[in-house]
Amino acid sequence: MRNYGAGTALLLASIALAACSGFGKPKPAEVVDPNALPANYRNQIATFLLTQLIDRADYTGAMISMPTLKPVGDSQRYVVCLQFNGRGVRKDKVVIYFAGAIQQFVTPKPEQCGDAVYQPFKELADEIPEK
């Protein structure tokens, strides 16, 4: 009978230790900063655009702005403005970020890119597919 008593005591001790260690308790929800600055945004957008732009001409004369906090709906989000000049037609797009990741790729509203300062988008030019 002593073997059963020792085994039971060991089992109870194990359960007590597990309970003290927090085993089985849900972890608190991780706090996400919706306005985390997008790291390496130029390469991130270039990689994303490789899946969106099919025509080689879409890459022509690509320009990009730096991430800027702008109004998006009722919130402020980081946005990056883009310009493309494929086939002599200028196209404006905006990349909207949430928590440092691309959330949307859409046509911008005037208040989002109206005052954007553009630079050549060399990272995208480096990714232009061959004909």
N, C-alpha and C. Protein backbone atom coordinates (compact mmCIF):
# COMPACT_ATOMS: atom_id res chain seq x y z
N MET A 1 0.80 -1.19 0.00
CA MET A 1 0.00 0.00 0.00
C MET A 1 0.85 1.26 0.00
N ARG A 2 2.02 1.15 0.56
CA ARG A 2 2.88 2.34 0.58
C ARG A 2 3.22 2.80 -0.83
N ASN A 3 3.39 1.90 -1.76
CA ASN A 3 3.71 2.29 -3.13
C ASN A 3 2.59 3.13 -3.74
N TYR A 4 1.33 2.77 -3.42
CA TYR A 4 0.22 3.56 -3.93
C TYR A 4 0.19 4.94 -3.29
N GLY A 5 0.50 5.00 -2.02
CA GLY A 5 0.50 6.29 -1.31
C GLY A 5 1.58 7.21 -1.84
N ALA A 6 2.77 6.65 -2.09
CA ALA A 6 3.88 7.46 -2.62
C ALA A 6 3.55 7.93 -4.03
N GLY A 7 2.95 7.05 -4.83
CA GLY A 7 2.57 7.42 -6.21
C GLY A 7 1.52 8.51 -6.22
N THR A 8 0.54 8.38 -5.31
CA THR A 8 -0.52 9.38 -5.22
C THR A 8 0.05 10.72 -4.77
N ALA A 9 0.94 10.67 -3.80
CA ALA A 9 1.56 11.91 -3.31
C ALA A 9 2.37 12.58 -4.42
N LEU A 10 3.09 11.78 -5.21
CA LEU A 10 3.88 12.31 -6.31
C LEU A 10 2.98 12.93 -7.38
N LEU A 11 1.86 12.26 -7.67
CA LEU A 11 0.91 12.77 -8.65
C LEU A 11 0.31 14.09 -8.18
N LEU A 12 -0.08 14.18 -6.92
CA LEU A 12 -0.64 15.41 -6.37
C LEU A 12 0.37 16.55 -6.38
N ALA A 13 1.61 16.23 -6.07
CA ALA A 13 2.67 17.24 -6.08
C ALA A 13 2.89 17.76 -7.50
N SER A 14 2.84 16.86 -8.49
CA SER A 14 3.02 17.26 -9.89
C SER A 14 1.89 18.17 -10.33
N ILE A 15 0.68 17.84 -9.96
CA ILE A 15 -0.48 18.67 -10.32
C ILE A 15 -0.38 20.04 -9.67
N ALA A 16 0.03 20.08 -8.42
CA ALA A 16 0.18 21.36 -7.72
C ALA A 16 1.24 22.23 -8.38
N LEU A 17 2.35 21.64 -8.77
CA LEU A 17 3.41 22.40 -9.44
C LEU A 17 2.94 22.92 -10.80
N ALA A 18 2.21 22.07 -11.53
CA ALA A 18 1.70 22.50 -12.83
C ALA A 18 0.73 23.66 -12.67
N ALA A 19 -0.10 23.62 -11.65
CA ALA A 19 -1.06 24.70 -11.40
C ALA A 19 -0.34 25.99 -11.06
N CYS A 20 0.75 25.90 -10.33
CA CYS A 20 1.50 27.09 -9.95
C CYS A 20 2.26 27.68 -11.13
N SER A 21 2.60 26.85 -12.10
CA SER A 21 3.39 27.33 -13.22
C SER A 21 2.55 28.07 -14.25
N GLY A 22 1.23 28.06 -14.10
CA GLY A 22 0.37 28.75 -15.04
C GLY A 22 -0.03 27.87 -16.21
N PHE A 23 0.28 26.60 -16.14
CA PHE A 23 -0.09 25.66 -17.19
C PHE A 23 -1.59 25.66 -17.37
N GLY A 24 -2.02 25.82 -18.59
CA GLY A 24 -3.44 25.81 -18.88
C GLY A 24 -4.09 27.18 -18.82
N LYS A 25 -3.41 28.17 -18.30
CA LYS A 25 -3.99 29.52 -18.25
C LYS A 25 -3.78 30.18 -19.61
N PRO A 26 -4.78 30.89 -20.12
CA PRO A 26 -4.60 31.59 -21.39
C PRO A 26 -3.60 32.73 -21.24
N LYS A 27 -2.78 32.91 -22.26
CA LYS A 27 -1.82 34.01 -22.25
C LYS A 27 -2.56 35.30 -22.53
N PRO A 28 -2.11 36.39 -21.94
CA PRO A 28 -2.76 37.67 -22.23
C PRO A 28 -2.56 38.02 -23.71
N ALA A 29 -3.54 38.69 -24.29
CA ALA A 29 -3.47 39.07 -25.69
C ALA A 29 -2.27 39.98 -25.93
N GLU A 30 -1.57 39.71 -27.02
CA GLU A 30 -0.41 40.53 -27.37
C GLU A 30 -0.90 41.89 -27.86
N VAL A 31 -0.29 42.95 -27.37
CA VAL A 31 -0.67 44.30 -27.75
C VAL A 31 0.00 44.62 -29.09
N VAL A 32 -0.82 45.01 -30.06
CA VAL A 32 -0.32 45.33 -31.40
C VAL A 32 -0.43 46.83 -31.60
N ASP A 33 0.66 47.45 -32.03
CA ASP A 33 0.65 48.87 -32.35
C ASP A 33 0.18 49.03 -33.79
N PRO A 34 -1.02 49.53 -34.03
CA PRO A 34 -1.52 49.64 -35.41
C PRO A 34 -0.69 50.60 -36.25
N ASN A 35 0.04 51.48 -35.60
CA ASN A 35 0.85 52.45 -36.33
C ASN A 35 2.34 52.19 -36.18
N ALA A 36 2.71 50.92 -36.17
CA ALA A 36 4.14 50.59 -36.17
C ALA A 36 4.73 51.04 -37.51
N LEU A 37 5.86 51.69 -37.45
CA LEU A 37 6.54 52.16 -38.65
C LEU A 37 6.95 50.96 -39.49
N PRO A 38 6.55 50.92 -40.76
CA PRO A 38 6.92 49.78 -41.60
C PRO A 38 8.43 49.73 -41.85
N ALA A 39 9.04 48.65 -41.43
CA ALA A 39 10.49 48.47 -41.62
C ALA A 39 10.75 47.97 -43.04
N ASN A 40 11.80 48.47 -43.66
CA ASN A 40 12.22 48.03 -44.99
C ASN A 40 11.06 48.13 -45.99
N TYR A 41 10.31 49.21 -45.91
CA TYR A 41 9.10 49.37 -46.72
C TYR A 41 9.35 49.34 -48.22
N ARG A 42 10.49 49.85 -48.67
CA ARG A 42 10.75 49.90 -50.12
C ARG A 42 10.86 48.49 -50.70
N ASN A 43 11.63 47.62 -50.06
CA ASN A 43 11.76 46.25 -50.55
C ASN A 43 10.45 45.48 -50.36
N GLN A 44 9.76 45.75 -49.26
CA GLN A 44 8.48 45.09 -48.99
C GLN A 44 7.47 45.43 -50.10
N ILE A 45 7.39 46.70 -50.48
CA ILE A 45 6.45 47.11 -51.53
C ILE A 45 6.89 46.56 -52.89
N ALA A 46 8.19 46.58 -53.18
CA ALA A 46 8.67 46.03 -54.45
C ALA A 46 8.29 44.56 -54.58
N THR A 47 8.46 43.79 -53.52
CA THR A 47 8.09 42.38 -53.54
C THR A 47 6.58 42.23 -53.73
N PHE A 48 5.81 43.03 -53.04
CA PHE A 48 4.35 42.99 -53.17
C PHE A 48 3.92 43.32 -54.60
N LEU A 49 4.53 44.36 -55.19
CA LEU A 49 4.12 44.78 -56.52
C LEU A 49 4.44 43.75 -57.60
N LEU A 50 5.42 42.91 -57.36
CA LEU A 50 5.72 41.85 -58.33
C LEU A 50 4.52 40.93 -58.52
N THR A 51 3.65 40.85 -57.52
CA THR A 51 2.45 40.02 -57.64
C THR A 51 1.27 40.81 -58.20
N GLN A 52 1.38 42.13 -58.25
CA GLN A 52 0.26 42.98 -58.68
C GLN A 52 0.41 43.53 -60.10
N LEU A 53 1.61 43.83 -60.50
CA LEU A 53 1.85 44.45 -61.81
C LEU A 53 2.26 43.39 -62.81
N ILE A 54 1.46 43.21 -63.84
CA ILE A 54 1.75 42.14 -64.79
C ILE A 54 2.47 42.67 -66.03
N ASP A 55 2.15 43.86 -66.44
CA ASP A 55 2.73 44.43 -67.64
C ASP A 55 4.03 45.15 -67.30
N ARG A 56 5.09 44.84 -68.03
CA ARG A 56 6.40 45.46 -67.82
C ARG A 56 6.30 46.99 -67.84
N ALA A 57 5.41 47.53 -68.67
CA ALA A 57 5.26 48.98 -68.77
C ALA A 57 4.72 49.59 -67.48
N ASP A 58 4.06 48.79 -66.65
CA ASP A 58 3.53 49.31 -65.39
C ASP A 58 4.63 49.78 -64.45
N TYR A 59 5.84 49.29 -64.64
CA TYR A 59 6.96 49.62 -63.76
C TYR A 59 7.67 50.91 -64.17
N THR A 60 7.38 51.41 -65.35
CA THR A 60 8.12 52.54 -65.91
C THR A 60 7.99 53.79 -65.05
N GLY A 61 9.12 54.40 -64.77
CA GLY A 61 9.14 55.67 -64.05
C GLY A 61 8.53 55.62 -62.66
N ALA A 62 8.65 54.50 -61.99
CA ALA A 62 8.05 54.36 -60.66
C ALA A 62 8.71 55.31 -59.66
N MET A 63 7.86 55.95 -58.86
CA MET A 63 8.31 56.87 -57.82
C MET A 63 7.62 56.46 -56.52
N ILE A 64 8.28 56.75 -55.39
CA ILE A 64 7.77 56.34 -54.08
C ILE A 64 8.01 57.45 -53.06
N SER A 65 7.11 57.55 -52.09
CA SER A 65 7.29 58.50 -50.98
C SER A 65 7.71 57.73 -49.73
N MET A 66 8.11 58.48 -48.73
CA MET A 66 8.43 57.87 -47.44
C MET A 66 7.12 57.61 -46.68
N PRO A 67 7.12 56.65 -45.73
CA PRO A 67 5.90 56.43 -44.93
C PRO A 67 5.55 57.68 -44.12
N THR A 68 4.26 58.03 -44.15
CA THR A 68 3.76 59.21 -43.45
C THR A 68 2.43 58.86 -42.81
N LEU A 69 2.22 59.32 -41.58
CA LEU A 69 0.92 59.12 -40.94
C LEU A 69 -0.10 60.04 -41.58
N LYS A 70 -1.18 59.43 -42.08
CA LYS A 70 -2.24 60.18 -42.75
C LYS A 70 -3.59 59.62 -42.32
N PRO A 71 -4.66 60.41 -42.48
CA PRO A 71 -5.99 59.90 -42.12
C PRO A 71 -6.43 58.80 -43.09
N VAL A 72 -6.91 57.72 -42.49
CA VAL A 72 -7.51 56.61 -43.24
C VAL A 72 -8.78 56.26 -42.49
N GLY A 73 -9.92 56.65 -43.05
CA GLY A 73 -11.17 56.49 -42.32
C GLY A 73 -11.14 57.35 -41.07
N ASP A 74 -11.45 56.74 -39.93
CA ASP A 74 -11.46 57.47 -38.66
C ASP A 74 -10.13 57.39 -37.92
N SER A 75 -9.12 56.76 -38.52
CA SER A 75 -7.84 56.53 -37.86
C SER A 75 -6.70 57.17 -38.63
N GLN A 76 -5.55 57.16 -38.00
CA GLN A 76 -4.31 57.55 -38.66
C GLN A 76 -3.54 56.27 -38.96
N ARG A 77 -3.00 56.15 -40.16
CA ARG A 77 -2.21 54.99 -40.54
C ARG A 77 -1.02 55.46 -41.35
N TYR A 78 0.04 54.65 -41.35
CA TYR A 78 1.16 54.95 -42.23
C TYR A 78 0.73 54.63 -43.65
N VAL A 79 1.03 55.57 -44.56
CA VAL A 79 0.78 55.37 -45.97
C VAL A 79 2.06 55.66 -46.75
N VAL A 80 2.20 54.96 -47.87
CA VAL A 80 3.30 55.21 -48.80
C VAL A 80 2.66 55.44 -50.16
N CYS A 81 2.97 56.58 -50.76
CA CYS A 81 2.38 56.93 -52.04
C CYS A 81 3.31 56.48 -53.17
N LEU A 82 2.67 56.04 -54.27
CA LEU A 82 3.40 55.54 -55.43
C LEU A 82 2.88 56.22 -56.69
N GLN A 83 3.78 56.43 -57.65
CA GLN A 83 3.40 56.91 -58.97
C GLN A 83 4.04 56.01 -60.01
N PHE A 84 3.26 55.69 -61.04
CA PHE A 84 3.77 54.91 -62.17
C PHE A 84 3.45 55.69 -63.44
N ASN A 85 4.33 55.61 -64.43
CA ASN A 85 4.13 56.35 -65.67
C ASN A 85 4.18 55.41 -66.87
N GLY A 86 3.56 54.28 -66.74
CA GLY A 86 3.57 53.30 -67.83
C GLY A 86 2.73 53.74 -69.01
N ARG A 87 3.26 53.57 -70.22
CA ARG A 87 2.58 53.88 -71.49
C ARG A 87 2.09 55.33 -71.53
N GLY A 88 2.85 56.23 -70.88
CA GLY A 88 2.52 57.65 -70.91
C GLY A 88 1.32 58.04 -70.07
N VAL A 89 0.82 57.11 -69.28
CA VAL A 89 -0.33 57.39 -68.42
C VAL A 89 0.13 57.31 -66.96
N ARG A 90 -0.10 58.38 -66.22
CA ARG A 90 0.30 58.38 -64.82
C ARG A 90 -0.76 57.70 -63.98
N LYS A 91 -0.30 56.79 -63.13
CA LYS A 91 -1.19 56.11 -62.18
C LYS A 91 -0.68 56.39 -60.78
N ASP A 92 -1.58 56.79 -59.90
CA ASP A 92 -1.24 57.01 -58.50
C ASP A 92 -1.85 55.90 -57.67
N LYS A 93 -1.08 55.40 -56.72
CA LYS A 93 -1.54 54.36 -55.80
C LYS A 93 -1.02 54.69 -54.41
N VAL A 94 -1.68 54.13 -53.41
CA VAL A 94 -1.24 54.29 -52.03
C VAL A 94 -1.22 52.92 -51.37
N VAL A 95 -0.17 52.68 -50.60
CA VAL A 95 -0.07 51.48 -49.78
C VAL A 95 -0.41 51.91 -48.36
N ILE A 96 -1.41 51.26 -47.77
CA ILE A 96 -1.83 51.58 -46.40
C ILE A 96 -1.36 50.46 -45.50
N TYR A 97 -0.73 50.84 -44.41
CA TYR A 97 -0.15 49.88 -43.47
C TYR A 97 -0.98 49.74 -42.21
N PHE A 98 -0.96 48.55 -41.63
CA PHE A 98 -1.50 48.30 -40.30
C PHE A 98 -0.50 47.43 -39.58
N ALA A 99 0.00 47.90 -38.44
CA ALA A 99 0.98 47.17 -37.62
C ALA A 99 2.22 46.80 -38.42
N GLY A 100 2.66 47.69 -39.30
CA GLY A 100 3.90 47.48 -40.04
C GLY A 100 3.77 46.56 -41.24
N ALA A 101 2.55 46.11 -41.56
CA ALA A 101 2.34 45.22 -42.70
C ALA A 101 1.38 45.87 -43.69
N ILE A 102 1.55 45.53 -44.97
CA ILE A 102 0.66 46.08 -45.99
C ILE A 102 -0.75 45.60 -45.74
N GLN A 103 -1.68 46.57 -45.68
CA GLN A 103 -3.08 46.24 -45.48
C GLN A 103 -3.88 46.46 -46.76
N GLN A 104 -3.58 47.55 -47.48
CA GLN A 104 -4.32 47.86 -48.71
C GLN A 104 -3.38 48.47 -49.74
N PHE A 105 -3.74 48.28 -51.01
CA PHE A 105 -3.06 48.87 -52.16
C PHE A 105 -4.18 49.43 -53.04
N VAL A 106 -4.42 50.74 -52.94
CA VAL A 106 -5.60 51.34 -53.56
C VAL A 106 -5.26 52.68 -54.20
N THR A 107 -6.24 53.25 -54.90
CA THR A 107 -6.11 54.61 -55.43
C THR A 107 -6.24 55.58 -54.25
N PRO A 108 -5.31 56.54 -54.14
CA PRO A 108 -5.34 57.43 -52.97
C PRO A 108 -6.41 58.51 -53.06
N LYS A 109 -6.80 58.97 -51.89
CA LYS A 109 -7.63 60.17 -51.78
C LYS A 109 -6.68 61.36 -51.81
N PRO A 110 -7.15 62.54 -52.24
CA PRO A 110 -6.25 63.70 -52.35
C PRO A 110 -5.50 64.01 -51.05
N GLU A 111 -6.15 63.83 -49.89
CA GLU A 111 -5.49 64.16 -48.63
C GLU A 111 -4.40 63.15 -48.25
N GLN A 112 -4.38 62.01 -48.91
CA GLN A 112 -3.37 61.00 -48.58
C GLN A 112 -2.07 61.23 -49.33
N CYS A 113 -2.13 61.63 -50.59
CA CYS A 113 -0.91 61.76 -51.39
C CYS A 113 -0.75 63.12 -52.07
N GLY A 114 -1.65 64.05 -51.79
CA GLY A 114 -1.58 65.36 -52.43
C GLY A 114 -0.30 66.12 -52.16
N ASP A 115 0.29 65.90 -51.00
CA ASP A 115 1.52 66.62 -50.64
C ASP A 115 2.74 65.70 -50.56
N ALA A 116 2.65 64.52 -51.18
CA ALA A 116 3.74 63.54 -51.11
C ALA A 116 4.98 64.04 -51.84
N VAL A 117 6.15 63.72 -51.27
CA VAL A 117 7.44 64.02 -51.89
C VAL A 117 7.97 62.69 -52.41
N TYR A 118 8.15 62.62 -53.73
CA TYR A 118 8.52 61.35 -54.37
C TYR A 118 10.01 61.28 -54.66
N GLN A 119 10.49 60.04 -54.66
CA GLN A 119 11.87 59.71 -55.02
C GLN A 119 11.82 58.54 -55.99
N PRO A 120 12.84 58.37 -56.83
CA PRO A 120 12.85 57.21 -57.72
C PRO A 120 12.77 55.91 -56.91
N PHE A 121 12.00 54.98 -57.41
CA PHE A 121 11.79 53.70 -56.74
C PHE A 121 12.74 52.67 -57.35
N LYS A 122 14.02 52.79 -56.98
CA LYS A 122 15.08 51.96 -57.56
C LYS A 122 14.89 50.48 -57.25
N GLU A 123 14.37 50.17 -56.06
CA GLU A 123 14.18 48.77 -55.67
C GLU A 123 13.19 48.07 -56.61
N LEU A 124 12.18 48.80 -57.07
CA LEU A 124 11.23 48.22 -58.02
C LEU A 124 11.87 48.10 -59.40
N ALA A 125 12.63 49.11 -59.79
CA ALA A 125 13.30 49.07 -61.09
C ALA A 125 14.24 47.87 -61.17
N ASP A 126 14.88 47.52 -60.05
CA ASP A 126 15.78 46.37 -60.02
C ASP A 126 15.03 45.05 -60.21
N GLU A 127 13.74 45.05 -59.93
CA GLU A 127 12.93 43.83 -60.01
C GLU A 127 12.15 43.70 -61.31
N ILE A 128 12.31 44.66 -62.23
CA ILE A 128 11.55 44.61 -63.48
C ILE A 128 11.82 43.30 -64.19
N PRO A 129 10.77 42.56 -64.52
CA PRO A 129 10.98 41.28 -65.21
C PRO A 129 11.49 41.51 -66.64
N GLU A 130 12.28 40.58 -67.11
CA GLU A 130 12.78 40.65 -68.49
C GLU A 130 11.64 40.38 -69.45
N LYS A 131 11.76 40.94 -70.65
CA LYS A 131 10.72 40.70 -71.67
C LYS A 131 10.72 39.27 -72.11
